[in-house]
Full PDB file with SEQRES, HELIX, SHEET, SSBOND, CRYST1, ORIGX, SCALE, CONECT and MASTER records, all heavy atoms in Angstrom:
SEQRES   1 A   36  ILE LEU ILE LYS VAL HIS ALA ALA GLY ILE THR GLY ASP          
SEQRES   2 A   36  ALA VAL THR TRP PRO GLU ILE TYR ALA THR PRO SER ARG          
SEQRES   3 A   36  ILE PRO GLY HIS GLU ILE SER GLY THR VAL                      
HELIX    1 AA1 GLY A   12  THR A   16  5                                   5    
HELIX    2 AA2 PRO A   18  ALA A   22  5                                   5    
SHEET    1 AA1 2 LYS A   4  ALA A   8  0                                        
SHEET    2 AA1 2 ILE A  32  THR A  35 -1                                        
CRYST1    1.000    1.000    1.000  90.00  90.00  90.00 P 1           1          
ORIGX1      1.000000  0.000000  0.000000        0.00000                         
ORIGX2      0.000000  1.000000  0.000000        0.00000                         
ORIGX3      0.000000  0.000000  1.000000        0.00000                         
SCALE1      1.000000  0.000000  0.000000        0.00000                         
SCALE2      0.000000  1.000000  0.000000        0.00000                         
SCALE3      0.000000  0.000000  1.000000        0.00000                         
ATOM      1  N   ILE A   1      10.918  -2.039  16.894  1.00  0.00           N  
ATOM      2  CA  ILE A   1      12.121  -1.521  17.560  1.00  0.00           C  
ATOM      3  C   ILE A   1      12.545  -0.241  16.850  1.00  0.00           C  
ATOM      4  O   ILE A   1      12.577  -0.202  15.613  1.00  0.00           O  
ATOM      5  CB  ILE A   1      13.259  -2.562  17.501  1.00  0.00           C  
ATOM      6  CG1 ILE A   1      12.808  -3.876  18.145  1.00  0.00           C  
ATOM      7  CG2 ILE A   1      14.524  -2.036  18.165  1.00  0.00           C  
ATOM      8  CD1 ILE A   1      13.708  -5.049  17.826  1.00  0.00           C  
ATOM      9  N   LEU A   2      12.845   0.785  17.617  1.00  0.00           N  
ATOM     10  CA  LEU A   2      13.335   2.046  17.053  1.00  0.00           C  
ATOM     11  C   LEU A   2      14.852   2.069  17.181  1.00  0.00           C  
ATOM     12  O   LEU A   2      15.400   1.905  18.278  1.00  0.00           O  
ATOM     13  CB  LEU A   2      12.732   3.239  17.786  1.00  0.00           C  
ATOM     14  CG  LEU A   2      13.182   4.621  17.283  1.00  0.00           C  
ATOM     15  CD1 LEU A   2      12.659   4.874  15.870  1.00  0.00           C  
ATOM     16  CD2 LEU A   2      12.721   5.717  18.239  1.00  0.00           C  
ATOM     17  N   ILE A   3      15.511   2.280  16.057  1.00  0.00           N  
ATOM     18  CA  ILE A   3      16.970   2.324  16.026  1.00  0.00           C  
ATOM     19  C   ILE A   3      17.447   3.758  15.808  1.00  0.00           C  
ATOM     20  O   ILE A   3      16.967   4.447  14.904  1.00  0.00           O  
ATOM     21  CB  ILE A   3      17.533   1.437  14.890  1.00  0.00           C  
ATOM     22  CG1 ILE A   3      17.025   0.003  15.026  1.00  0.00           C  
ATOM     23  CG2 ILE A   3      19.062   1.477  14.884  1.00  0.00           C  
ATOM     24  CD1 ILE A   3      17.399  -0.689  16.312  1.00  0.00           C  
ATOM     25  N   LYS A   4      18.373   4.194  16.646  1.00  0.00           N  
ATOM     26  CA  LYS A   4      19.093   5.439  16.371  1.00  0.00           C  
ATOM     27  C   LYS A   4      20.207   5.075  15.399  1.00  0.00           C  
ATOM     28  O   LYS A   4      21.137   4.341  15.748  1.00  0.00           O  
ATOM     29  CB  LYS A   4      19.677   6.051  17.638  1.00  0.00           C  
ATOM     30  CG  LYS A   4      20.478   7.330  17.376  1.00  0.00           C  
ATOM     31  CD  LYS A   4      20.927   7.976  18.662  1.00  0.00           C  
ATOM     32  CE  LYS A   4      21.880   9.143  18.394  1.00  0.00           C  
ATOM     33  NZ  LYS A   4      21.368  10.138  17.442  1.00  0.00           N  
ATOM     34  N   VAL A   5      20.085   5.535  14.175  1.00  0.00           N  
ATOM     35  CA  VAL A   5      20.990   5.114  13.102  1.00  0.00           C  
ATOM     36  C   VAL A   5      22.290   5.900  13.180  1.00  0.00           C  
ATOM     37  O   VAL A   5      22.295   7.129  13.122  1.00  0.00           O  
ATOM     38  CB  VAL A   5      20.324   5.312  11.726  1.00  0.00           C  
ATOM     39  CG1 VAL A   5      21.284   4.926  10.608  1.00  0.00           C  
ATOM     40  CG2 VAL A   5      19.034   4.492  11.630  1.00  0.00           C  
ATOM     41  N   HIS A   6      23.393   5.181  13.330  1.00  0.00           N  
ATOM     42  CA  HIS A   6      24.710   5.820  13.281  1.00  0.00           C  
ATOM     43  C   HIS A   6      25.263   5.841  11.854  1.00  0.00           C  
ATOM     44  O   HIS A   6      25.967   6.780  11.468  1.00  0.00           O  
ATOM     45  CB  HIS A   6      25.685   5.096  14.198  1.00  0.00           C  
ATOM     46  CG  HIS A   6      25.287   5.120  15.642  1.00  0.00           C  
ATOM     47  ND1 HIS A   6      24.609   6.176  16.210  1.00  0.00           N  
ATOM     48  CD2 HIS A   6      25.451   4.210  16.629  1.00  0.00           C  
ATOM     49  CE1 HIS A   6      24.395   5.927  17.492  1.00  0.00           C  
ATOM     50  NE2 HIS A   6      24.879   4.731  17.766  1.00  0.00           N  
ATOM     51  N   ALA A   7      24.948   4.803  11.080  1.00  0.00           N  
ATOM     52  CA  ALA A   7      25.420   4.726   9.694  1.00  0.00           C  
ATOM     53  C   ALA A   7      24.432   3.919   8.867  1.00  0.00           C  
ATOM     54  O   ALA A   7      23.781   2.997   9.384  1.00  0.00           O  
ATOM     55  CB  ALA A   7      26.806   4.086   9.624  1.00  0.00           C  
ATOM     56  N   ALA A   8      24.312   4.273   7.591  1.00  0.00           N  
ATOM     57  CA  ALA A   8      23.388   3.589   6.676  1.00  0.00           C  
ATOM     58  C   ALA A   8      24.085   3.337   5.349  1.00  0.00           C  
ATOM     59  O   ALA A   8      24.680   4.256   4.771  1.00  0.00           O  
ATOM     60  CB  ALA A   8      22.127   4.423   6.460  1.00  0.00           C  
ATOM     61  N   GLY A   9      24.029   2.118   4.878  1.00  0.00           N  
ATOM     62  CA  GLY A   9      24.654   1.761   3.604  1.00  0.00           C  
ATOM     63  C   GLY A   9      23.874   2.304   2.421  1.00  0.00           C  
ATOM     64  O   GLY A   9      22.659   2.508   2.492  1.00  0.00           O  
ATOM     65  N   ILE A  10      24.586   2.559   1.325  1.00  0.00           N  
ATOM     66  CA  ILE A  10      23.964   3.039   0.090  1.00  0.00           C  
ATOM     67  C   ILE A  10      24.141   1.978  -0.989  1.00  0.00           C  
ATOM     68  O   ILE A  10      25.256   1.514  -1.240  1.00  0.00           O  
ATOM     69  CB  ILE A  10      24.607   4.347  -0.416  1.00  0.00           C  
ATOM     70  CG1 ILE A  10      24.645   5.411   0.671  1.00  0.00           C  
ATOM     71  CG2 ILE A  10      23.847   4.869  -1.642  1.00  0.00           C  
ATOM     72  CD1 ILE A  10      25.410   6.668   0.261  1.00  0.00           C  
ATOM     73  N   THR A  11      23.054   1.609  -1.627  1.00  0.00           N  
ATOM     74  CA  THR A  11      23.090   0.749  -2.818  1.00  0.00           C  
ATOM     75  C   THR A  11      22.661   1.610  -3.997  1.00  0.00           C  
ATOM     76  O   THR A  11      21.497   2.014  -4.083  1.00  0.00           O  
ATOM     77  CB  THR A  11      22.158  -0.456  -2.668  1.00  0.00           C  
ATOM     78  OG1 THR A  11      22.557  -1.213  -1.512  1.00  0.00           O  
ATOM     79  CG2 THR A  11      22.223  -1.339  -3.893  1.00  0.00           C  
ATOM     80  N   GLY A  12      23.599   1.909  -4.879  1.00  0.00           N  
ATOM     81  CA  GLY A  12      23.338   2.854  -5.961  1.00  0.00           C  
ATOM     82  C   GLY A  12      22.164   2.474  -6.847  1.00  0.00           C  
ATOM     83  O   GLY A  12      21.430   3.341  -7.331  1.00  0.00           O  
ATOM     84  N   ASP A  13      21.955   1.166  -7.051  1.00  0.00           N  
ATOM     85  CA  ASP A  13      20.870   0.714  -7.919  1.00  0.00           C  
ATOM     86  C   ASP A  13      19.487   0.898  -7.295  1.00  0.00           C  
ATOM     87  O   ASP A  13      18.475   0.683  -7.961  1.00  0.00           O  
ATOM     88  CB  ASP A  13      21.058  -0.761  -8.277  1.00  0.00           C  
ATOM     89  CG  ASP A  13      22.256  -0.988  -9.196  1.00  0.00           C  
ATOM     90  OD1 ASP A  13      22.643  -0.036  -9.903  1.00  0.00           O  
ATOM     91  OD2 ASP A  13      22.790  -2.115  -9.205  1.00  0.00           O  
ATOM     92  N   ALA A  14      19.439   1.281  -6.021  1.00  0.00           N  
ATOM     93  CA  ALA A  14      18.144   1.388  -5.337  1.00  0.00           C  
ATOM     94  C   ALA A  14      17.211   2.414  -5.970  1.00  0.00           C  
ATOM     95  O   ALA A  14      15.997   2.354  -5.782  1.00  0.00           O  
ATOM     96  CB  ALA A  14      18.352   1.724  -3.860  1.00  0.00           C  
ATOM     97  N   VAL A  15      17.763   3.348  -6.733  1.00  0.00           N  
ATOM     98  CA  VAL A  15      16.894   4.330  -7.402  1.00  0.00           C  
ATOM     99  C   VAL A  15      16.019   3.669  -8.459  1.00  0.00           C  
ATOM    100  O   VAL A  15      15.040   4.264  -8.911  1.00  0.00           O  
ATOM    101  CB  VAL A  15      17.713   5.481  -8.046  1.00  0.00           C  
ATOM    102  CG1 VAL A  15      18.408   6.325  -6.987  1.00  0.00           C  
ATOM    103  CG2 VAL A  15      18.715   4.931  -9.055  1.00  0.00           C  
ATOM    104  N   THR A  16      16.335   2.438  -8.850  1.00  0.00           N  
ATOM    105  CA  THR A  16      15.533   1.723  -9.845  1.00  0.00           C  
ATOM    106  C   THR A  16      14.554   0.743  -9.190  1.00  0.00           C  
ATOM    107  O   THR A  16      13.820   0.059  -9.885  1.00  0.00           O  
ATOM    108  CB  THR A  16      16.430   0.936 -10.821  1.00  0.00           C  
ATOM    109  OG1 THR A  16      17.097  -0.127 -10.108  1.00  0.00           O  
ATOM    110  CG2 THR A  16      17.472   1.845 -11.449  1.00  0.00           C  
ATOM    111  N   TRP A  17      14.552   0.679  -7.861  1.00  0.00           N  
ATOM    112  CA  TRP A  17      13.673  -0.252  -7.164  1.00  0.00           C  
ATOM    113  C   TRP A  17      12.310   0.407  -6.953  1.00  0.00           C  
ATOM    114  O   TRP A  17      12.214   1.489  -6.358  1.00  0.00           O  
ATOM    115  CB  TRP A  17      14.274  -0.660  -5.830  1.00  0.00           C  
ATOM    116  CG  TRP A  17      15.600  -1.361  -5.952  1.00  0.00           C  
ATOM    117  CD1 TRP A  17      16.181  -1.819  -7.093  1.00  0.00           C  
ATOM    118  CD2 TRP A  17      16.505  -1.667  -4.891  1.00  0.00           C  
ATOM    119  NE1 TRP A  17      17.392  -2.393  -6.826  1.00  0.00           N  
ATOM    120  CE2 TRP A  17      17.622  -2.318  -5.477  1.00  0.00           C  
ATOM    121  CE3 TRP A  17      16.489  -1.471  -3.511  1.00  0.00           C  
ATOM    122  CZ2 TRP A  17      18.705  -2.757  -4.722  1.00  0.00           C  
ATOM    123  CZ3 TRP A  17      17.562  -1.906  -2.759  1.00  0.00           C  
ATOM    124  CH2 TRP A  17      18.653  -2.548  -3.362  1.00  0.00           C  
ATOM    125  N   PRO A  18      11.236  -0.205  -7.409  1.00  0.00           N  
ATOM    126  CA  PRO A  18       9.924   0.455  -7.377  1.00  0.00           C  
ATOM    127  C   PRO A  18       9.378   0.726  -5.990  1.00  0.00           C  
ATOM    128  O   PRO A  18       8.585   1.650  -5.802  1.00  0.00           O  
ATOM    129  CB  PRO A  18       9.023  -0.510  -8.148  1.00  0.00           C  
ATOM    130  CG  PRO A  18       9.711  -1.835  -8.063  1.00  0.00           C  
ATOM    131  CD  PRO A  18      11.175  -1.530  -8.051  1.00  0.00           C  
ATOM    132  N   GLU A  19       9.800  -0.054  -4.979  1.00  0.00           N  
ATOM    133  CA  GLU A  19       9.180   0.101  -3.665  1.00  0.00           C  
ATOM    134  C   GLU A  19       9.409   1.476  -3.039  1.00  0.00           C  
ATOM    135  O   GLU A  19       8.560   1.983  -2.303  1.00  0.00           O  
ATOM    136  CB  GLU A  19       9.665  -0.988  -2.698  1.00  0.00           C  
ATOM    137  CG  GLU A  19      11.150  -1.000  -2.438  1.00  0.00           C  
ATOM    138  CD  GLU A  19      11.906  -1.936  -3.358  1.00  0.00           C  
ATOM    139  OE1 GLU A  19      11.347  -2.302  -4.416  1.00  0.00           O  
ATOM    140  OE2 GLU A  19      13.045  -2.287  -3.029  1.00  0.00           O  
ATOM    141  N   ILE A  20      10.560   2.097  -3.348  1.00  0.00           N  
ATOM    142  CA  ILE A  20      10.830   3.406  -2.749  1.00  0.00           C  
ATOM    143  C   ILE A  20       9.809   4.447  -3.190  1.00  0.00           C  
ATOM    144  O   ILE A  20       9.433   5.343  -2.437  1.00  0.00           O  
ATOM    145  CB  ILE A  20      12.269   3.881  -3.066  1.00  0.00           C  
ATOM    146  CG1 ILE A  20      12.578   5.209  -2.382  1.00  0.00           C  
ATOM    147  CG2 ILE A  20      12.485   4.038  -4.566  1.00  0.00           C  
ATOM    148  CD1 ILE A  20      12.475   5.169  -0.889  1.00  0.00           C  
ATOM    149  N   TYR A  21       9.300   4.305  -4.414  1.00  0.00           N  
ATOM    150  CA  TYR A  21       8.361   5.289  -4.955  1.00  0.00           C  
ATOM    151  C   TYR A  21       6.946   5.074  -4.420  1.00  0.00           C  
ATOM    152  O   TYR A  21       6.075   5.909  -4.625  1.00  0.00           O  
ATOM    153  CB  TYR A  21       8.403   5.255  -6.479  1.00  0.00           C  
ATOM    154  CG  TYR A  21       9.803   5.556  -6.987  1.00  0.00           C  
ATOM    155  CD1 TYR A  21      10.677   4.515  -7.318  1.00  0.00           C  
ATOM    156  CD2 TYR A  21      10.256   6.867  -7.075  1.00  0.00           C  
ATOM    157  CE1 TYR A  21      11.977   4.791  -7.740  1.00  0.00           C  
ATOM    158  CE2 TYR A  21      11.557   7.142  -7.492  1.00  0.00           C  
ATOM    159  CZ  TYR A  21      12.407   6.101  -7.820  1.00  0.00           C  
ATOM    160  OH  TYR A  21      13.697   6.374  -8.220  1.00  0.00           O  
ATOM    161  N   ALA A  22       6.747   3.953  -3.719  1.00  0.00           N  
ATOM    162  CA  ALA A  22       5.457   3.699  -3.077  1.00  0.00           C  
ATOM    163  C   ALA A  22       5.502   3.989  -1.576  1.00  0.00           C  
ATOM    164  O   ALA A  22       4.500   3.827  -0.879  1.00  0.00           O  
ATOM    165  CB  ALA A  22       5.037   2.248  -3.307  1.00  0.00           C  
ATOM    166  N   THR A  23       6.675   4.397  -1.084  1.00  0.00           N  
ATOM    167  CA  THR A  23       6.831   4.699   0.340  1.00  0.00           C  
ATOM    168  C   THR A  23       6.507   6.165   0.580  1.00  0.00           C  
ATOM    169  O   THR A  23       7.140   7.041  -0.028  1.00  0.00           O  
ATOM    170  CB  THR A  23       8.283   4.414   0.783  1.00  0.00           C  
ATOM    171  OG1 THR A  23       8.604   3.059   0.477  1.00  0.00           O  
ATOM    172  CG2 THR A  23       8.449   4.654   2.275  1.00  0.00           C  
ATOM    173  N   PRO A  24       5.547   6.489   1.450  1.00  0.00           N  
ATOM    174  CA  PRO A  24       5.158   7.896   1.651  1.00  0.00           C  
ATOM    175  C   PRO A  24       6.322   8.807   2.025  1.00  0.00           C  
ATOM    176  O   PRO A  24       6.386   9.949   1.572  1.00  0.00           O  
ATOM    177  CB  PRO A  24       4.122   7.812   2.776  1.00  0.00           C  
ATOM    178  CG  PRO A  24       3.539   6.446   2.641  1.00  0.00           C  
ATOM    179  CD  PRO A  24       4.672   5.571   2.204  1.00  0.00           C  
ATOM    180  N   SER A  25       7.255   8.318   2.826  1.00  0.00           N  
ATOM    181  CA  SER A  25       8.364   9.170   3.265  1.00  0.00           C  
ATOM    182  C   SER A  25       9.406   9.392   2.179  1.00  0.00           C  
ATOM    183  O   SER A  25      10.176  10.349   2.254  1.00  0.00           O  
ATOM    184  CB  SER A  25       9.056   8.550   4.479  1.00  0.00           C  
ATOM    185  OG  SER A  25       9.812   7.414   4.088  1.00  0.00           O  
ATOM    186  N   ARG A  26       9.463   8.475   1.215  1.00  0.00           N  
ATOM    187  CA  ARG A  26      10.488   8.485   0.159  1.00  0.00           C  
ATOM    188  C   ARG A  26      11.905   8.385   0.728  1.00  0.00           C  
ATOM    189  O   ARG A  26      12.871   8.813   0.097  1.00  0.00           O  
ATOM    190  CB  ARG A  26      10.365   9.742  -0.724  1.00  0.00           C  
ATOM    191  CG  ARG A  26       9.142   9.769  -1.633  1.00  0.00           C  
ATOM    192  CD  ARG A  26       9.223   8.660  -2.678  1.00  0.00           C  
ATOM    193  NE  ARG A  26       8.211   8.789  -3.698  1.00  0.00           N  
ATOM    194  CZ  ARG A  26       8.394   9.397  -4.862  1.00  0.00           C  
ATOM    195  NH1 ARG A  26       9.562   9.927  -5.146  1.00  0.00           N  
ATOM    196  NH2 ARG A  26       7.413   9.465  -5.727  1.00  0.00           N  
ATOM    197  N   ILE A  27      12.037   7.849   1.932  1.00  0.00           N  
ATOM    198  CA  ILE A  27      13.355   7.641   2.527  1.00  0.00           C  
ATOM    199  C   ILE A  27      13.890   6.290   2.058  1.00  0.00           C  
ATOM    200  O   ILE A  27      13.255   5.257   2.303  1.00  0.00           O  
ATOM    201  CB  ILE A  27      13.295   7.667   4.067  1.00  0.00           C  
ATOM    202  CG1 ILE A  27      12.800   9.019   4.569  1.00  0.00           C  
ATOM    203  CG2 ILE A  27      14.676   7.366   4.665  1.00  0.00           C  
ATOM    204  CD1 ILE A  27      12.540   9.057   6.064  1.00  0.00           C  
ATOM    205  N   PRO A  28      15.048   6.243   1.389  1.00  0.00           N  
ATOM    206  CA  PRO A  28      15.609   4.969   0.943  1.00  0.00           C  
ATOM    207  C   PRO A  28      16.436   4.324   2.061  1.00  0.00           C  
ATOM    208  O   PRO A  28      16.582   4.880   3.146  1.00  0.00           O  
ATOM    209  CB  PRO A  28      16.502   5.389  -0.219  1.00  0.00           C  
ATOM    210  CG  PRO A  28      17.015   6.738   0.222  1.00  0.00           C  
ATOM    211  CD  PRO A  28      15.874   7.390   0.972  1.00  0.00           C  
ATOM    212  N   GLY A  29      16.985   3.180   1.759  1.00  0.00           N  
ATOM    213  CA  GLY A  29      17.948   2.565   2.661  1.00  0.00           C  
ATOM    214  C   GLY A  29      17.452   1.319   3.346  1.00  0.00           C  
ATOM    215  O   GLY A  29      16.443   1.341   4.056  1.00  0.00           O  
ATOM    216  N   HIS A  30      18.197   0.214   3.156  1.00  0.00           N  
ATOM    217  CA  HIS A  30      17.843  -1.062   3.766  1.00  0.00           C  
ATOM    218  C   HIS A  30      18.902  -1.573   4.730  1.00  0.00           C  
ATOM    219  O   HIS A  30      18.638  -2.520   5.466  1.00  0.00           O  
ATOM    220  CB  HIS A  30      17.608  -2.112   2.673  1.00  0.00           C  
ATOM    221  CG  HIS A  30      16.463  -1.789   1.773  1.00  0.00           C  
ATOM    222  ND1 HIS A  30      15.151  -2.109   2.067  1.00  0.00           N  
ATOM    223  CD2 HIS A  30      16.408  -1.140   0.580  1.00  0.00           C  
ATOM    224  CE1 HIS A  30      14.350  -1.686   1.102  1.00  0.00           C  
ATOM    225  NE2 HIS A  30      15.095  -1.103   0.187  1.00  0.00           N  
ATOM    226  N   GLU A  31      20.082  -0.982   4.725  1.00  0.00           N  
ATOM    227  CA  GLU A  31      21.159  -1.443   5.599  1.00  0.00           C  
ATOM    228  C   GLU A  31      21.466  -0.372   6.641  1.00  0.00           C  
ATOM    229  O   GLU A  31      21.742   0.785   6.295  1.00  0.00           O  
ATOM    230  CB  GLU A  31      22.423  -1.722   4.790  1.00  0.00           C  
ATOM    231  CG  GLU A  31      22.304  -2.883   3.822  1.00  0.00           C  
ATOM    232  CD  GLU A  31      23.580  -3.092   3.045  1.00  0.00           C  
ATOM    233  OE1 GLU A  31      23.903  -2.243   2.190  1.00  0.00           O  
ATOM    234  OE2 GLU A  31      24.257  -4.089   3.297  1.00  0.00           O  
ATOM    235  N   ILE A  32      21.456  -0.773   7.911  1.00  0.00           N  
ATOM    236  CA  ILE A  32      21.706   0.188   8.977  1.00  0.00           C  
ATOM    237  C   ILE A  32      22.590  -0.415  10.063  1.00  0.00           C  
ATOM    238  O   ILE A  32      22.678  -1.633  10.222  1.00  0.00           O  
ATOM    239  CB  ILE A  32      20.405   0.695   9.628  1.00  0.00           C  
ATOM    240  CG1 ILE A  32      19.623  -0.465  10.261  1.00  0.00           C  
ATOM    241  CG2 ILE A  32      19.544   1.441   8.615  1.00  0.00           C  
ATOM    242  CD1 ILE A  32      18.438  -0.021  11.112  1.00  0.00           C  
ATOM    243  N   SER A  33      23.208   0.478  10.802  1.00  0.00           N  
ATOM    244  CA  SER A  33      23.921   0.114  12.015  1.00  0.00           C  
ATOM    245  C   SER A  33      23.685   1.243  13.013  1.00  0.00           C  
ATOM    246  O   SER A  33      23.656   2.415  12.642  1.00  0.00           O  
ATOM    247  CB  SER A  33      25.413  -0.044  11.727  1.00  0.00           C  
ATOM    248  OG  SER A  33      26.109  -0.363  12.908  1.00  0.00           O  
ATOM    249  N   GLY A  34      23.489   0.890  14.278  1.00  0.00           N  
ATOM    250  CA  GLY A  34      23.223   1.926  15.272  1.00  0.00           C  
ATOM    251  C   GLY A  34      22.978   1.336  16.637  1.00  0.00           C  
ATOM    252  O   GLY A  34      23.485   0.246  16.967  1.00  0.00           O  
ATOM    253  N   THR A  35      22.180   2.030  17.442  1.00  0.00           N  
ATOM    254  CA  THR A  35      21.846   1.555  18.771  1.00  0.00           C  
ATOM    255  C   THR A  35      20.335   1.526  18.944  1.00  0.00           C  
ATOM    256  O   THR A  35      19.608   2.300  18.318  1.00  0.00           O  
ATOM    257  CB  THR A  35      22.456   2.454  19.856  1.00  0.00           C  
ATOM    258  OG1 THR A  35      22.077   3.810  19.619  1.00  0.00           O  
ATOM    259  CG2 THR A  35      23.974   2.348  19.865  1.00  0.00           C  
ATOM    260  N   VAL A  36      19.868   0.622  19.794  1.00  0.00           N  
ATOM    261  CA  VAL A  36      18.438   0.546  20.090  1.00  0.00           C  
ATOM    262  C   VAL A  36      18.039   1.784  20.882  1.00  0.00           C  
ATOM    263  O   VAL A  36      18.572   2.038  21.959  1.00  0.00           O  
ATOM    264  CB  VAL A  36      18.107  -0.736  20.876  1.00  0.00           C  
ATOM    265  CG1 VAL A  36      16.629  -0.762  21.252  1.00  0.00           C  
ATOM    266  CG2 VAL A  36      18.484  -1.975  20.077  1.00  0.00           C  
TER     267      VAL A  36                                                      
MASTER        0    0    0    2    2    0    0    6  266    1    0    3          
END                                                                             
């Protein structure tokens, strides 16, 4: 499902989570709200 993101939550500690550095896009963020 593709979501048009209206807002995305920020978790400050996410810079210490290793998975972001293995993601090719380097786009963080796990919480979203928007429309399909």
